[in-house]
Amino acid sequence: MKAFCVAYLVLALAGSALAASPFVARVAGTGGAGDGVGFTLTVAVPKGNHLYESSFKVEALPGATITSIDKPAATQAPDPQTGETVRVFAEDVRIAGRLLLGAGKNGIVVSYQGCDETQCFMPETHTFRWDAAAKEFGEVQEDAEADE
């Protein structure tokens, strides 16, 4: 019986870590001038979920530079997993920024981790590349990134 309980606990924990993420990240270009382009990053945070401020990062791909960024303020809330007070984004996150274009692949990388009231989701990283011809950002899928 003890072995069954341990196995059940391991499977339950593995299942919660592998649960599908409810968060959706998108990037829109907001106009370019000279050698840069404005962008708005939006990460949808469904009600009852939150993203940890400590894991939320926005970075430029190598060769490009983020020259300005306007992030919203996080709020303090009790972590449903630990009970500790942490800084979180409990509503959609909208970030305005400007990307200075460089040689090579231009774009941004956003990383975050979040939870709901009962489970945490695996950390996520999304890459969005600027397509100068189309004048828009497009998300790069992991398999496509590996093929290049």
N, C-alpha and C. Protein backbone atom coordinates (compact mmCIF):
# COMPACT_ATOMS: atom_id res chain seq x y z
N MET A 1 0.83 -1.19 0.00
CA MET A 1 0.00 0.00 0.00
C MET A 1 0.87 1.26 0.00
N LYS A 2 1.95 1.23 0.79
CA LYS A 2 2.84 2.39 0.85
C LYS A 2 3.46 2.65 -0.52
N ALA A 3 3.86 1.60 -1.22
CA ALA A 3 4.44 1.76 -2.55
C ALA A 3 3.42 2.37 -3.51
N PHE A 4 2.16 1.94 -3.40
CA PHE A 4 1.10 2.49 -4.24
C PHE A 4 0.94 3.98 -3.99
N CYS A 5 0.94 4.40 -2.73
CA CYS A 5 0.77 5.81 -2.38
C CYS A 5 1.93 6.64 -2.92
N VAL A 6 3.15 6.13 -2.80
CA VAL A 6 4.32 6.85 -3.31
C VAL A 6 4.23 6.97 -4.83
N ALA A 7 3.86 5.88 -5.51
CA ALA A 7 3.74 5.91 -6.96
C ALA A 7 2.66 6.90 -7.39
N TYR A 8 1.54 6.91 -6.70
CA TYR A 8 0.46 7.83 -7.02
C TYR A 8 0.92 9.28 -6.84
N LEU A 9 1.64 9.55 -5.76
CA LEU A 9 2.13 10.90 -5.51
C LEU A 9 3.09 11.34 -6.61
N VAL A 10 4.00 10.46 -7.00
CA VAL A 10 4.96 10.79 -8.07
C VAL A 10 4.23 11.09 -9.36
N LEU A 11 3.25 10.26 -9.72
CA LEU A 11 2.48 10.48 -10.95
C LEU A 11 1.67 11.77 -10.88
N ALA A 12 1.10 12.07 -9.73
CA ALA A 12 0.32 13.29 -9.57
C ALA A 12 1.21 14.52 -9.74
N LEU A 13 2.39 14.47 -9.13
CA LEU A 13 3.31 15.60 -9.26
C LEU A 13 3.80 15.74 -10.69
N ALA A 14 4.11 14.64 -11.34
CA ALA A 14 4.57 14.68 -12.73
C ALA A 14 3.46 15.22 -13.62
N GLY A 15 2.24 14.81 -13.37
CA GLY A 15 1.12 15.28 -14.17
C GLY A 15 0.91 16.77 -14.04
N SER A 16 1.05 17.30 -12.84
CA SER A 16 0.85 18.73 -12.66
C SER A 16 1.96 19.51 -13.33
N ALA A 17 3.19 18.98 -13.31
CA ALA A 17 4.31 19.68 -13.95
C ALA A 17 4.16 19.65 -15.47
N LEU A 18 3.45 18.66 -16.01
CA LEU A 18 3.31 18.53 -17.45
C LEU A 18 1.98 19.06 -17.96
N ALA A 19 1.18 19.63 -17.11
CA ALA A 19 -0.11 20.17 -17.53
C ALA A 19 0.10 21.26 -18.56
N ALA A 20 -0.83 21.36 -19.49
CA ALA A 20 -0.72 22.38 -20.53
C ALA A 20 -0.79 23.78 -19.93
N SER A 21 0.07 24.62 -20.40
CA SER A 21 0.10 26.00 -19.91
C SER A 21 -1.13 26.77 -20.40
N PRO A 22 -1.74 27.57 -19.53
CA PRO A 22 -2.87 28.39 -19.94
C PRO A 22 -2.43 29.76 -20.47
N PHE A 23 -1.14 30.06 -20.43
CA PHE A 23 -0.62 31.38 -20.79
C PHE A 23 -0.35 31.45 -22.30
N VAL A 24 -0.64 32.60 -22.90
CA VAL A 24 -0.42 32.79 -24.32
C VAL A 24 0.36 34.09 -24.52
N ALA A 25 1.50 33.99 -25.22
CA ALA A 25 2.34 35.16 -25.49
C ALA A 25 2.22 35.56 -26.96
N ARG A 26 2.15 36.88 -27.18
CA ARG A 26 2.09 37.42 -28.54
C ARG A 26 2.93 38.69 -28.59
N VAL A 27 3.49 38.97 -29.77
CA VAL A 27 4.24 40.21 -29.96
C VAL A 27 3.73 40.87 -31.24
N ALA A 28 3.48 42.16 -31.15
CA ALA A 28 3.06 42.95 -32.32
C ALA A 28 4.05 44.08 -32.52
N GLY A 29 4.41 44.32 -33.77
CA GLY A 29 5.25 45.46 -34.11
C GLY A 29 4.41 46.72 -34.04
N THR A 30 4.98 47.80 -33.52
CA THR A 30 4.24 49.04 -33.39
C THR A 30 4.85 50.16 -34.22
N GLY A 31 5.59 49.80 -35.24
CA GLY A 31 6.17 50.80 -36.12
C GLY A 31 7.67 50.86 -36.01
N GLY A 32 8.28 51.06 -37.13
CA GLY A 32 9.74 51.13 -37.17
C GLY A 32 10.19 52.47 -37.71
N ALA A 33 11.34 52.87 -37.27
CA ALA A 33 11.96 54.09 -37.77
C ALA A 33 13.46 53.89 -37.69
N GLY A 34 14.13 54.15 -38.79
CA GLY A 34 15.59 53.99 -38.79
C GLY A 34 15.96 52.54 -38.61
N ASP A 35 16.79 52.28 -37.62
CA ASP A 35 17.29 50.92 -37.42
C ASP A 35 16.62 50.22 -36.24
N GLY A 36 15.40 50.65 -35.89
CA GLY A 36 14.70 50.04 -34.77
C GLY A 36 13.23 49.82 -35.07
N VAL A 37 12.61 49.04 -34.19
CA VAL A 37 11.18 48.78 -34.31
C VAL A 37 10.56 48.74 -32.93
N GLY A 38 9.39 49.35 -32.80
CA GLY A 38 8.66 49.27 -31.54
C GLY A 38 7.92 47.95 -31.47
N PHE A 39 7.66 47.49 -30.26
CA PHE A 39 6.89 46.25 -30.10
C PHE A 39 6.03 46.32 -28.85
N THR A 40 4.96 45.55 -28.89
CA THR A 40 4.13 45.34 -27.71
C THR A 40 4.04 43.84 -27.48
N LEU A 41 4.51 43.42 -26.33
CA LEU A 41 4.44 42.02 -25.92
C LEU A 41 3.24 41.89 -24.99
N THR A 42 2.39 40.91 -25.26
CA THR A 42 1.24 40.64 -24.39
C THR A 42 1.29 39.18 -23.99
N VAL A 43 1.19 38.93 -22.70
CA VAL A 43 1.06 37.56 -22.20
C VAL A 43 -0.28 37.48 -21.49
N ALA A 44 -1.18 36.67 -22.05
CA ALA A 44 -2.51 36.50 -21.45
C ALA A 44 -2.41 35.65 -20.20
N VAL A 45 -2.95 36.15 -19.09
CA VAL A 45 -2.95 35.46 -17.81
C VAL A 45 -4.42 35.22 -17.42
N PRO A 46 -4.90 33.98 -17.59
CA PRO A 46 -6.30 33.71 -17.26
C PRO A 46 -6.60 33.93 -15.78
N LYS A 47 -7.85 34.24 -15.49
CA LYS A 47 -8.28 34.45 -14.11
C LYS A 47 -7.93 33.23 -13.26
N GLY A 48 -7.42 33.48 -12.06
CA GLY A 48 -7.03 32.40 -11.16
C GLY A 48 -5.61 31.90 -11.37
N ASN A 49 -4.89 32.52 -12.31
CA ASN A 49 -3.50 32.17 -12.58
C ASN A 49 -2.61 33.37 -12.29
N HIS A 50 -1.32 33.13 -12.23
CA HIS A 50 -0.37 34.23 -12.08
C HIS A 50 0.97 33.83 -12.66
N LEU A 51 1.76 34.83 -13.03
CA LEU A 51 3.14 34.65 -13.47
C LEU A 51 4.04 35.25 -12.40
N TYR A 52 5.14 34.58 -12.13
CA TYR A 52 6.09 35.08 -11.14
C TYR A 52 6.96 36.18 -11.76
N GLU A 53 7.01 37.33 -11.10
CA GLU A 53 7.86 38.42 -11.58
C GLU A 53 9.32 37.98 -11.67
N SER A 54 9.77 37.18 -10.72
CA SER A 54 11.17 36.77 -10.68
C SER A 54 11.58 35.92 -11.88
N SER A 55 10.63 35.27 -12.53
CA SER A 55 10.98 34.43 -13.69
C SER A 55 10.64 35.11 -15.01
N PHE A 56 10.05 36.30 -14.98
CA PHE A 56 9.60 36.98 -16.19
C PHE A 56 10.76 37.78 -16.78
N LYS A 57 11.21 37.38 -17.97
CA LYS A 57 12.36 38.04 -18.60
C LYS A 57 12.05 38.33 -20.06
N VAL A 58 12.47 39.49 -20.53
CA VAL A 58 12.36 39.86 -21.94
C VAL A 58 13.77 40.25 -22.38
N GLU A 59 14.29 39.54 -23.40
CA GLU A 59 15.65 39.78 -23.87
C GLU A 59 15.66 39.84 -25.38
N ALA A 60 16.67 40.48 -25.94
CA ALA A 60 16.85 40.54 -27.39
C ALA A 60 17.64 39.32 -27.85
N LEU A 61 17.39 38.89 -29.08
CA LEU A 61 18.23 37.86 -29.68
C LEU A 61 19.63 38.44 -29.86
N PRO A 62 20.66 37.59 -29.88
CA PRO A 62 22.03 38.10 -30.06
C PRO A 62 22.14 38.95 -31.32
N GLY A 63 22.77 40.10 -31.18
CA GLY A 63 22.94 41.03 -32.29
C GLY A 63 21.97 42.19 -32.23
N ALA A 64 20.80 41.99 -31.65
CA ALA A 64 19.81 43.06 -31.48
C ALA A 64 19.91 43.57 -30.04
N THR A 65 19.30 44.72 -29.78
CA THR A 65 19.33 45.31 -28.44
C THR A 65 17.98 45.91 -28.11
N ILE A 66 17.48 45.63 -26.94
CA ILE A 66 16.27 46.30 -26.47
C ILE A 66 16.72 47.62 -25.88
N THR A 67 16.26 48.73 -26.48
CA THR A 67 16.72 50.05 -26.04
C THR A 67 15.78 50.70 -25.05
N SER A 68 14.53 50.26 -25.01
CA SER A 68 13.61 50.76 -23.99
C SER A 68 12.56 49.68 -23.74
N ILE A 69 12.07 49.68 -22.52
CA ILE A 69 11.05 48.70 -22.15
C ILE A 69 10.21 49.29 -21.02
N ASP A 70 8.92 49.10 -21.12
CA ASP A 70 7.99 49.62 -20.12
C ASP A 70 7.18 48.44 -19.60
N LYS A 71 7.58 47.94 -18.42
CA LYS A 71 6.91 46.79 -17.81
C LYS A 71 5.94 47.26 -16.73
N PRO A 72 4.82 46.56 -16.59
CA PRO A 72 3.89 46.92 -15.51
C PRO A 72 4.45 46.52 -14.16
N ALA A 73 3.93 47.11 -13.13
CA ALA A 73 4.34 46.75 -11.77
C ALA A 73 3.66 45.45 -11.36
N ALA A 74 4.41 44.60 -10.70
CA ALA A 74 3.84 43.36 -10.16
C ALA A 74 3.17 43.67 -8.83
N THR A 75 2.32 42.78 -8.39
CA THR A 75 1.66 42.92 -7.10
C THR A 75 2.17 41.84 -6.16
N GLN A 76 1.98 42.05 -4.87
CA GLN A 76 2.36 41.03 -3.90
C GLN A 76 1.16 40.15 -3.61
N ALA A 77 1.44 38.85 -3.53
CA ALA A 77 0.36 37.90 -3.27
C ALA A 77 0.95 36.68 -2.59
N PRO A 78 0.16 35.96 -1.82
CA PRO A 78 0.66 34.72 -1.22
C PRO A 78 0.78 33.65 -2.31
N ASP A 79 1.90 32.98 -2.32
CA ASP A 79 2.11 31.89 -3.27
C ASP A 79 1.24 30.72 -2.84
N PRO A 80 0.37 30.22 -3.74
CA PRO A 80 -0.52 29.12 -3.34
C PRO A 80 0.23 27.82 -3.07
N GLN A 81 1.46 27.74 -3.54
CA GLN A 81 2.24 26.51 -3.34
C GLN A 81 3.02 26.53 -2.02
N THR A 82 3.56 27.72 -1.66
CA THR A 82 4.43 27.79 -0.48
C THR A 82 3.86 28.63 0.66
N GLY A 83 2.90 29.50 0.33
CA GLY A 83 2.36 30.40 1.33
C GLY A 83 3.18 31.66 1.52
N GLU A 84 4.38 31.71 0.94
CA GLU A 84 5.24 32.89 1.04
C GLU A 84 4.65 34.03 0.21
N THR A 85 4.96 35.26 0.59
CA THR A 85 4.55 36.41 -0.19
C THR A 85 5.54 36.58 -1.35
N VAL A 86 5.00 36.65 -2.57
CA VAL A 86 5.84 36.78 -3.77
C VAL A 86 5.25 37.88 -4.65
N ARG A 87 6.05 38.34 -5.60
CA ARG A 87 5.59 39.35 -6.55
C ARG A 87 5.13 38.63 -7.81
N VAL A 88 3.89 38.94 -8.24
CA VAL A 88 3.29 38.23 -9.37
C VAL A 88 2.57 39.19 -10.30
N PHE A 89 2.31 38.69 -11.50
CA PHE A 89 1.40 39.34 -12.44
C PHE A 89 0.15 38.45 -12.47
N ALA A 90 -0.97 38.97 -11.96
CA ALA A 90 -2.20 38.18 -11.88
C ALA A 90 -3.20 38.57 -12.97
N GLU A 91 -2.80 39.49 -13.82
CA GLU A 91 -3.62 39.91 -14.96
C GLU A 91 -2.74 39.91 -16.20
N ASP A 92 -3.35 40.09 -17.36
CA ASP A 92 -2.57 40.12 -18.60
C ASP A 92 -1.41 41.09 -18.46
N VAL A 93 -0.26 40.69 -18.98
CA VAL A 93 0.95 41.51 -18.93
C VAL A 93 1.14 42.15 -20.30
N ARG A 94 1.23 43.47 -20.34
CA ARG A 94 1.49 44.19 -21.59
C ARG A 94 2.76 45.01 -21.40
N ILE A 95 3.70 44.77 -22.29
CA ILE A 95 5.00 45.43 -22.22
C ILE A 95 5.27 46.13 -23.54
N ALA A 96 5.56 47.41 -23.48
CA ALA A 96 5.95 48.16 -24.67
C ALA A 96 7.46 48.29 -24.67
N GLY A 97 8.06 48.17 -25.84
CA GLY A 97 9.51 48.30 -25.92
C GLY A 97 9.95 48.71 -27.30
N ARG A 98 11.25 48.89 -27.43
CA ARG A 98 11.85 49.23 -28.71
C ARG A 98 13.06 48.34 -28.91
N LEU A 99 13.14 47.76 -30.11
CA LEU A 99 14.22 46.84 -30.45
C LEU A 99 15.11 47.50 -31.49
N LEU A 100 16.39 47.68 -31.13
CA LEU A 100 17.39 48.19 -32.07
C LEU A 100 17.86 47.00 -32.89
N LEU A 101 17.66 47.08 -34.21
CA LEU A 101 17.98 45.95 -35.08
C LEU A 101 19.48 45.86 -35.30
N GLY A 102 19.97 44.64 -35.35
CA GLY A 102 21.38 44.39 -35.59
C GLY A 102 21.55 43.49 -36.81
N ALA A 103 22.75 43.01 -37.00
CA ALA A 103 23.02 42.08 -38.09
C ALA A 103 22.50 40.70 -37.69
N GLY A 104 21.94 39.99 -38.64
CA GLY A 104 21.48 38.63 -38.35
C GLY A 104 20.02 38.59 -37.95
N LYS A 105 19.70 37.64 -37.09
CA LYS A 105 18.32 37.41 -36.68
C LYS A 105 17.93 38.42 -35.61
N ASN A 106 16.89 39.18 -35.88
CA ASN A 106 16.42 40.18 -34.93
C ASN A 106 15.13 39.71 -34.29
N GLY A 107 15.03 39.89 -33.00
CA GLY A 107 13.81 39.50 -32.32
C GLY A 107 13.98 39.54 -30.82
N ILE A 108 12.95 39.05 -30.14
CA ILE A 108 12.97 39.03 -28.68
C ILE A 108 12.64 37.64 -28.17
N VAL A 109 13.08 37.39 -26.96
CA VAL A 109 12.82 36.13 -26.27
C VAL A 109 12.15 36.47 -24.95
N VAL A 110 11.00 35.85 -24.69
CA VAL A 110 10.30 36.06 -23.43
C VAL A 110 10.26 34.73 -22.68
N SER A 111 10.58 34.79 -21.39
CA SER A 111 10.57 33.60 -20.53
C SER A 111 9.75 33.90 -19.29
N TYR A 112 9.02 32.89 -18.81
CA TYR A 112 8.22 33.06 -17.61
C TYR A 112 7.79 31.72 -17.05
N GLN A 113 7.32 31.74 -15.82
CA GLN A 113 6.71 30.57 -15.19
C GLN A 113 5.53 31.06 -14.37
N GLY A 114 4.47 30.25 -14.37
CA GLY A 114 3.29 30.63 -13.62
C GLY A 114 2.60 29.44 -12.99
N CYS A 115 1.58 29.75 -12.20
CA CYS A 115 0.82 28.73 -11.47
C CYS A 115 -0.65 29.11 -11.47
N ASP A 116 -1.48 28.14 -11.10
CA ASP A 116 -2.86 28.45 -10.74
C ASP A 116 -2.99 28.13 -9.26
N GLU A 117 -4.20 27.96 -8.76
CA GLU A 117 -4.38 27.73 -7.33
C GLU A 117 -3.88 26.35 -6.87
N THR A 118 -3.72 25.41 -7.80
CA THR A 118 -3.39 24.05 -7.40
C THR A 118 -2.10 23.51 -7.97
N GLN A 119 -1.58 24.12 -9.03
CA GLN A 119 -0.38 23.57 -9.66
C GLN A 119 0.44 24.65 -10.33
N CYS A 120 1.72 24.34 -10.51
CA CYS A 120 2.60 25.22 -11.27
C CYS A 120 2.89 24.56 -12.61
N PHE A 121 3.16 25.40 -13.59
CA PHE A 121 3.43 24.93 -14.93
C PHE A 121 4.92 25.02 -15.20
N MET A 122 5.38 24.22 -16.14
CA MET A 122 6.80 24.23 -16.50
C MET A 122 7.18 25.62 -17.00
N PRO A 123 8.43 26.04 -16.77
CA PRO A 123 8.89 27.33 -17.31
C PRO A 123 8.75 27.32 -18.84
N GLU A 124 8.44 28.48 -19.39
CA GLU A 124 8.27 28.62 -20.83
C GLU A 124 9.22 29.66 -21.39
N THR A 125 9.65 29.43 -22.62
CA THR A 125 10.45 30.41 -23.36
C THR A 125 9.88 30.48 -24.77
N HIS A 126 9.62 31.69 -25.23
CA HIS A 126 9.08 31.91 -26.57
C HIS A 126 9.98 32.90 -27.30
N THR A 127 10.30 32.58 -28.56
CA THR A 127 11.14 33.44 -29.39
C THR A 127 10.28 34.03 -30.50
N PHE A 128 10.38 35.35 -30.65
CA PHE A 128 9.65 36.06 -31.69
C PHE A 128 10.66 36.80 -32.56
N ARG A 129 10.66 36.51 -33.87
CA ARG A 129 11.59 37.17 -34.78
C ARG A 129 10.90 38.26 -35.57
N TRP A 130 11.64 39.33 -35.80
CA TRP A 130 11.15 40.42 -36.63
C TRP A 130 11.36 40.06 -38.09
N ASP A 131 10.29 40.12 -38.88
CA ASP A 131 10.35 39.90 -40.32
C ASP A 131 10.24 41.28 -40.96
N ALA A 132 11.38 41.80 -41.44
CA ALA A 132 11.41 43.17 -41.97
C ALA A 132 10.54 43.31 -43.21
N ALA A 133 10.51 42.28 -44.06
CA ALA A 133 9.71 42.36 -45.29
C ALA A 133 8.21 42.42 -44.96
N ALA A 134 7.77 41.59 -44.01
CA ALA A 134 6.36 41.56 -43.64
C ALA A 134 6.01 42.62 -42.60
N LYS A 135 7.04 43.21 -42.02
CA LYS A 135 6.86 44.22 -40.96
C LYS A 135 6.04 43.69 -39.80
N GLU A 136 6.41 42.48 -39.33
CA GLU A 136 5.71 41.87 -38.20
C GLU A 136 6.63 40.89 -37.49
N PHE A 137 6.25 40.57 -36.25
CA PHE A 137 6.95 39.56 -35.47
C PHE A 137 6.22 38.23 -35.67
N GLY A 138 6.98 37.16 -35.72
CA GLY A 138 6.41 35.83 -35.80
C GLY A 138 7.09 34.93 -34.78
N GLU A 139 6.31 34.06 -34.15
CA GLU A 139 6.89 33.15 -33.17
C GLU A 139 7.64 32.03 -33.88
N VAL A 140 8.81 31.73 -33.38
CA VAL A 140 9.65 30.66 -33.92
C VAL A 140 9.39 29.42 -33.09
N GLN A 141 8.99 28.35 -33.74
CA GLN A 141 8.78 27.08 -33.04
C GLN A 141 10.13 26.43 -32.75
N GLU A 142 10.23 25.70 -31.67
CA GLU A 142 11.50 25.10 -31.25
C GLU A 142 12.13 24.26 -32.33
N ASP A 143 11.34 23.42 -33.03
CA ASP A 143 11.89 22.55 -34.07
C ASP A 143 12.48 23.37 -35.21
N ALA A 144 11.82 24.46 -35.58
CA ALA A 144 12.32 25.32 -36.66
C ALA A 144 13.62 25.99 -36.24
N GLU A 145 13.71 26.38 -34.96
CA GLU A 145 14.93 27.02 -34.45
C GLU A 145 16.09 26.05 -34.53
N ALA A 146 15.87 24.78 -34.21
CA ALA A 146 16.92 23.76 -34.21
C ALA A 146 17.40 23.46 -35.63
N ASP A 147 16.50 23.62 -36.63
CA ASP A 147 16.86 23.31 -38.02
C ASP A 147 17.74 24.38 -38.65
N GLU A 148 17.80 25.54 -38.07
CA GLU A 148 18.54 26.65 -38.69
C GLU A 148 19.99 26.63 -38.31
